[in-house]
């Protein structure tokens, strides 16, 4: 990874500084590499789990790790694509004051209407073509809304009107998975054209439509589209765990930093979550067992 990136990723992950690691251009490669390191650890501890794996999915940049795991992309080439993607998204973020707002809503919440009113508010402030849209579908009644900061501030101030129970600004620098990321499309498309992409050896689900990738051209196209499209994670979870009544749920392993996807799974599918485990590349075995 250090050779591809041109800096010492391991020491950045272990020693920081934290604000440098949090920057999009460093954070995305770190998540990608740490996810695959966790796969290696799982393979070392329980090789049969990796051998029997039937499907994989990754959240946002995690999709690149899922595709490497499934044999569709090589590690070094995928990491280079992630580097290009992360730097381009960082640059796009710096061009416009934008961000992401995590929202837990009541049943009555109408996210589209709330976003429409927030865009109208931005227009009244003189912002041309304002962006405010759902960028991540997490679990029932939970979304991430992304766009211009003024729109997100408006939604926070009017949370009760839109039946939002909780709102929280995410510690990111831009409105990822919206059209504000359009400047990142071309650089990523170019690098993906130069990479050999194979058909995955097992099912990998796309963030763009929640369905399985079919072939290499499909992967190339949707990885680019993903940058400016909402992450349909809730829909992906439904696709992954769809099975006949009475069929047992598979074991699910979250590999990589943090266990947010496990928390989302618990909200999406409690039965599937009961067979869930988290594997972190850094945690030592003793700590994991206690």
Protein backbone atom coordinates (compact mmCIF):
# COMPACT_ATOMS: atom_id res chain seq x y z
CA UNK A 1 0.00 0.00 0.00
CA UNK A 2 2.82 2.37 0.87
CA UNK A 3 4.35 1.90 -2.60
CA UNK A 4 1.04 2.63 -4.36
CA UNK A 5 0.08 5.59 -2.16
CA UNK A 6 3.50 7.16 -1.67
CA UNK A 7 3.10 7.55 2.11
CA UNK A 8 3.21 5.32 5.20
CA UNK A 9 -0.43 4.32 5.63
CA UNK A 10 0.22 2.01 8.59
CA UNK A 11 1.81 4.70 10.77
CA UNK A 12 -0.95 7.14 9.78
CA UNK A 13 -3.55 4.57 10.93
CA UNK A 14 -1.74 3.68 14.16
CA UNK A 15 -0.24 7.03 15.17
CA UNK A 16 -2.26 9.65 13.32
CA UNK A 17 -2.53 12.59 13.39
CA UNK A 18 -6.27 12.00 13.56
CA UNK A 19 -7.27 15.01 11.45
CA UNK A 20 -4.96 13.81 8.64
CA UNK A 21 -6.47 10.32 8.78
CA UNK A 22 -9.99 11.80 8.71
CA UNK A 23 -9.28 13.58 5.43
CA UNK A 24 -11.11 11.88 2.55
CA UNK A 25 -7.92 11.36 0.55
CA UNK A 26 -6.38 9.30 3.39
CA UNK A 27 -9.53 7.87 4.97
CA UNK A 28 -10.74 5.96 1.90
CA UNK A 29 -7.46 4.08 1.24
CA UNK A 30 -7.22 3.38 4.99
CA UNK A 31 -10.71 1.83 5.12
CA UNK A 32 -10.00 -0.20 1.96
CA UNK A 33 -6.68 -1.61 3.19
CA UNK A 34 -7.88 -2.20 6.77
CA UNK A 35 -10.94 -4.07 5.44
CA UNK A 36 -8.79 -6.45 3.39
CA UNK A 37 -6.36 -6.83 6.30
CA UNK A 38 -9.31 -7.95 8.42
CA UNK A 39 -10.21 -10.49 5.70
CA UNK A 40 -6.64 -11.84 5.93
CA UNK A 41 -6.98 -12.10 9.70
CA UNK A 42 -10.29 -13.96 9.36
CA UNK A 43 -8.70 -16.27 6.78
CA UNK A 44 -5.88 -16.99 9.25
CA UNK A 45 -8.22 -17.64 12.22
CA UNK A 46 -11.11 -19.38 10.41
CA UNK A 47 -10.14 -20.28 6.84
CA UNK A 48 -13.35 -22.29 6.36
CA UNK A 49 -15.41 -19.08 6.75
CA UNK A 50 -13.65 -17.43 3.80
CA UNK A 51 -13.76 -20.64 1.71
CA UNK A 52 -17.52 -21.01 2.20
CA UNK A 53 -18.38 -17.36 1.58
CA UNK A 54 -21.21 -17.00 -0.93
CA UNK A 55 -21.67 -13.22 -1.22
CA UNK A 56 -20.02 -9.92 -0.42
CA UNK A 57 -21.02 -6.26 -0.28
CA UNK A 58 -19.18 -3.11 0.70
CA UNK A 59 -20.45 0.26 1.82
CA UNK A 60 -19.23 3.07 -0.46
CA UNK A 61 -15.43 2.66 -0.76
CA UNK A 62 -15.88 -0.78 0.87
CA UNK A 63 -17.30 -1.97 -2.43
CA UNK A 64 -13.77 -1.88 -3.89
CA UNK A 65 -12.59 -4.16 -1.06
CA UNK A 66 -15.53 -6.53 -1.69
CA UNK A 67 -14.59 -6.72 -5.38
CA UNK A 68 -10.93 -7.46 -4.56
CA UNK A 69 -12.06 -10.18 -2.15
CA UNK A 70 -14.27 -11.66 -4.90
CA UNK A 71 -11.36 -11.73 -7.39
CA UNK A 72 -12.79 -9.07 -9.71
CA UNK A 73 -10.00 -6.53 -9.05
CA UNK A 74 -6.32 -6.89 -8.12
CA UNK A 75 -5.27 -5.34 -4.79
CA UNK A 76 -2.69 -2.82 -6.06
CA UNK A 77 -4.80 -1.66 -9.00
CA UNK A 78 -7.92 -1.30 -6.87
CA UNK A 79 -5.96 0.65 -4.26
CA UNK A 80 -4.69 2.99 -6.98
CA UNK A 81 -8.30 3.50 -8.16
CA UNK A 82 -9.34 4.21 -4.55
CA UNK A 83 -6.49 6.74 -4.25
CA UNK A 84 -7.64 8.55 -7.42
CA UNK A 85 -11.29 8.42 -6.25
CA UNK A 86 -10.43 9.74 -2.77
CA UNK A 87 -8.27 12.61 -4.03
CA UNK A 88 -10.89 13.62 -6.62
CA UNK A 89 -13.68 13.51 -4.01
CA UNK A 90 -11.56 15.57 -1.61
CA UNK A 91 -11.03 18.17 -4.33
CA UNK A 92 -14.76 18.21 -5.20
CA UNK A 93 -15.56 18.66 -1.50
CA UNK A 94 -13.30 21.68 -1.22
CA UNK A 95 -15.01 23.37 -4.18
CA UNK A 96 -18.39 23.80 -2.41
CA UNK A 97 -19.36 24.20 1.25
CA UNK A 98 -21.26 20.98 1.64
CA UNK A 99 -21.68 18.05 4.00
CA UNK A 100 -23.78 15.11 5.16
CA UNK A 101 -26.52 14.93 7.78
CA UNK A 102 -27.54 11.68 9.42
CA UNK A 103 -31.30 11.60 10.10
CA UNK A 104 -33.51 9.23 12.07
CA UNK A 105 -37.10 10.05 11.20
CA UNK A 106 -40.54 9.15 12.43
CA UNK A 107 -42.79 7.05 10.24
CA UNK A 108 -44.44 10.22 8.88
CA UNK A 109 -41.14 11.75 7.74
CA UNK A 110 -41.12 12.73 4.07
CA UNK A 111 -37.46 13.10 3.12
CA UNK A 112 -38.08 14.19 -0.47
CA UNK A 113 -40.37 17.02 0.63
CA UNK A 114 -37.90 18.13 3.34
CA UNK A 115 -35.06 18.20 0.78
CA UNK A 116 -37.22 20.16 -1.69
CA UNK A 117 -37.96 22.83 0.94
CA UNK A 118 -34.29 22.97 1.94
CA UNK A 119 -33.34 23.57 -1.71
CA UNK A 120 -35.93 26.37 -1.94
CA UNK A 121 -34.41 27.91 1.18
CA UNK A 122 -30.96 27.83 -0.50
CA UNK A 123 -32.38 29.48 -3.62
CA UNK A 124 -33.78 32.27 -1.43
CA UNK A 125 -30.19 32.80 -0.19
CA UNK A 126 -29.02 33.19 -3.80
CA UNK A 127 -27.45 29.73 -4.21
CA UNK A 128 -27.82 28.53 -7.79
CA UNK A 129 -28.77 24.89 -8.43
CA UNK A 130 -28.62 23.91 -4.76
CA UNK A 131 -28.14 20.26 -3.83
CA UNK A 132 -30.01 18.54 -1.01
CA UNK A 133 -30.91 14.90 -1.45
CA UNK A 134 -30.89 11.50 0.25
CA UNK A 135 -27.39 10.08 -0.30
CA UNK A 136 -27.54 6.94 1.86
CA UNK A 137 -30.42 4.62 2.74
CA UNK A 138 -29.31 2.97 5.99
CA UNK A 139 -32.29 1.20 7.57
CA UNK A 140 -36.03 1.82 7.87
CA UNK A 141 -36.54 5.42 9.09
CA UNK A 142 -32.83 6.28 8.79
CA UNK A 143 -31.22 8.21 5.96
CA UNK A 144 -28.21 10.38 5.30
CA UNK A 145 -29.06 13.62 3.52
CA UNK A 146 -26.26 15.41 1.69
CA UNK A 147 -25.85 18.74 -0.03
CA UNK A 148 -25.07 22.39 0.54
CA UNK A 149 -24.35 23.20 4.19
CA UNK A 150 -27.05 25.89 4.25
CA UNK A 151 -29.64 23.24 3.26
CA UNK A 152 -28.50 20.87 6.00
CA UNK A 153 -28.54 23.65 8.61
CA UNK A 154 -32.09 24.49 7.51
CA UNK A 155 -33.14 20.86 8.01
CA UNK A 156 -31.60 20.75 11.48
CA UNK A 157 -33.39 23.96 12.49
CA UNK A 158 -36.72 22.63 11.15
CA UNK A 159 -36.29 19.01 12.24
CA UNK A 160 -39.60 18.86 14.13
CA UNK A 161 -41.58 20.15 11.16
CA UNK A 162 -40.28 17.26 9.03
CA UNK A 163 -40.75 14.60 11.75
CA UNK A 164 -37.01 14.06 12.20
CA UNK A 165 -36.34 12.52 15.62
CA UNK A 166 -32.56 12.92 15.50
CA UNK A 167 -30.16 14.77 13.23
CA UNK A 168 -26.37 14.72 13.37
CA UNK A 169 -23.79 16.25 11.07
CA UNK A 170 -21.27 13.64 9.92
CA UNK A 171 -17.54 14.38 10.23
CA UNK A 172 -16.97 14.47 6.46
CA UNK A 173 -15.88 17.30 4.23
CA UNK A 174 -18.38 16.98 1.39
CA UNK A 175 -21.70 15.80 -0.02
CA UNK A 176 -20.65 12.33 -1.12
CA UNK A 177 -22.95 10.31 -3.39
CA UNK A 178 -24.60 13.44 -4.83
CA UNK A 179 -24.02 15.40 -8.06
CA UNK A 180 -21.63 17.68 -6.16
CA UNK A 181 -19.14 14.81 -6.66
CA UNK A 182 -19.39 15.09 -10.46
CA UNK A 183 -15.79 16.41 -10.78
CA UNK A 184 -14.63 13.02 -9.39
CA UNK A 185 -16.43 11.00 -12.08
CA UNK A 186 -13.98 11.52 -14.95
CA UNK A 187 -10.73 10.75 -13.04
CA UNK A 188 -12.22 7.52 -11.66
CA UNK A 189 -13.68 6.51 -15.04
CA UNK A 190 -10.25 7.00 -16.67
CA UNK A 191 -8.39 4.87 -14.14
CA UNK A 192 -11.01 2.08 -14.25
CA UNK A 193 -10.68 1.92 -18.05
CA UNK A 194 -6.99 1.05 -17.61
CA UNK A 195 -7.62 -1.75 -15.08
CA UNK A 196 -8.37 -5.34 -15.94
CA UNK A 197 -11.66 -6.31 -14.28
CA UNK A 198 -12.69 -9.96 -14.00
CA UNK A 199 -16.11 -11.49 -13.41
CA UNK A 200 -16.42 -11.91 -9.60
CA UNK A 201 -15.96 -15.46 -8.25
CA UNK A 202 -18.87 -14.93 -5.87
CA UNK A 203 -21.89 -12.61 -5.73
CA UNK A 204 -21.02 -8.97 -5.07
CA UNK A 205 -23.89 -6.53 -4.59
CA UNK A 206 -23.76 -2.99 -5.98
CA UNK A 207 -24.51 0.12 -3.90
CA UNK A 208 -26.11 1.75 -6.95
CA UNK A 209 -29.05 -0.64 -7.39
CA UNK A 210 -28.73 -3.20 -4.58
CA UNK A 211 -28.35 -6.00 -7.16
CA UNK A 212 -25.58 -8.45 -8.04
CA UNK A 213 -22.83 -7.41 -10.42
CA UNK A 214 -23.17 -9.39 -13.65
CA UNK A 215 -19.91 -8.83 -15.59
CA UNK A 216 -16.77 -6.68 -15.75
CA UNK A 217 -18.23 -3.85 -17.88
CA UNK A 218 -21.11 -3.65 -15.39
CA UNK A 219 -18.61 -3.23 -12.53
CA UNK A 220 -16.67 -0.52 -14.39
CA UNK A 221 -19.85 1.43 -15.14
CA UNK A 222 -21.46 1.20 -11.70
CA UNK A 223 -18.30 1.98 -9.70
CA UNK A 224 -18.20 5.33 -11.52
CA UNK A 225 -21.94 5.91 -11.10
CA UNK A 226 -21.66 5.12 -7.38
CA UNK A 227 -19.73 8.35 -6.75
CA UNK A 228 -22.78 10.48 -7.63
CA UNK A 229 -25.57 8.02 -6.70
CA UNK A 230 -27.14 7.29 -3.32
CA UNK A 231 -25.88 4.21 -1.47
CA UNK A 232 -28.84 1.82 -1.36
CA UNK A 233 -27.59 -0.11 1.67
CA UNK A 234 -30.98 -0.92 3.16
CA UNK A 235 -32.13 -2.27 -0.22
CA UNK A 236 -28.87 -4.25 -0.55
CA UNK A 237 -29.49 -5.88 2.84
CA UNK A 238 -32.93 -6.99 1.61
CA UNK A 239 -31.36 -8.51 -1.53
CA UNK A 240 -28.60 -10.28 0.41
CA UNK A 241 -30.89 -11.86 3.01
CA UNK A 242 -33.89 -12.61 0.83
CA UNK A 243 -34.78 -16.28 1.31
CA UNK A 244 -37.72 -18.63 1.60
CA UNK A 245 -39.61 -18.72 4.89
CA UNK A 246 -38.00 -21.14 7.32
CA UNK A 247 -34.57 -21.06 5.59
CA UNK A 248 -31.74 -20.33 8.03
CA UNK A 249 -29.84 -17.09 7.75
CA UNK A 250 -26.14 -17.29 6.86
CA UNK A 251 -23.29 -16.13 9.05
CA UNK A 252 -22.35 -12.52 8.38
CA UNK A 253 -18.88 -11.08 9.00
CA UNK A 254 -18.14 -7.38 9.00
CA UNK A 255 -14.47 -7.04 8.16
CA UNK A 256 -12.68 -3.77 8.79
CA UNK A 257 -12.74 -0.68 10.97
CA UNK A 258 -15.85 -0.05 13.06
CA UNK A 259 -19.04 -2.05 13.41
CA UNK A 260 -21.56 0.44 11.99
CA UNK A 261 -22.74 -2.04 9.34
CA UNK A 262 -23.58 -4.52 12.11
CA UNK A 263 -25.62 -1.84 13.88
CA UNK A 264 -27.48 -1.16 10.61
CA UNK A 265 -28.05 -4.89 10.04
CA UNK A 266 -29.61 -5.17 13.49
CA UNK A 267 -32.16 -2.52 12.47
CA UNK A 268 -32.75 -4.07 9.02
CA UNK A 269 -32.88 -7.75 9.89
CA UNK A 270 -32.68 -8.90 13.51
CA UNK A 271 -32.65 -12.60 12.60
CA UNK A 272 -29.69 -12.19 10.26
CA UNK A 273 -27.90 -10.02 12.84
CA UNK A 274 -27.99 -12.88 15.37
CA UNK A 275 -25.44 -14.67 13.15
CA UNK A 276 -23.22 -11.57 12.83
CA UNK A 277 -19.58 -11.15 13.91
CA UNK A 278 -17.15 -8.27 13.57
CA UNK A 279 -13.49 -8.77 12.62
CA UNK A 280 -11.10 -5.86 13.10
CA UNK A 281 -7.59 -6.02 11.65
CA UNK A 282 -6.06 -4.41 14.76
CA UNK A 283 -7.87 -6.04 17.67
CA UNK A 284 -5.72 -8.69 19.30
CA UNK A 285 -7.26 -12.13 19.81
CA UNK A 286 -7.33 -11.95 23.61
CA UNK A 287 -9.27 -8.69 23.58
CA UNK A 288 -11.65 -10.08 20.97
CA UNK A 289 -12.43 -13.13 23.09
CA UNK A 290 -13.08 -11.32 26.38
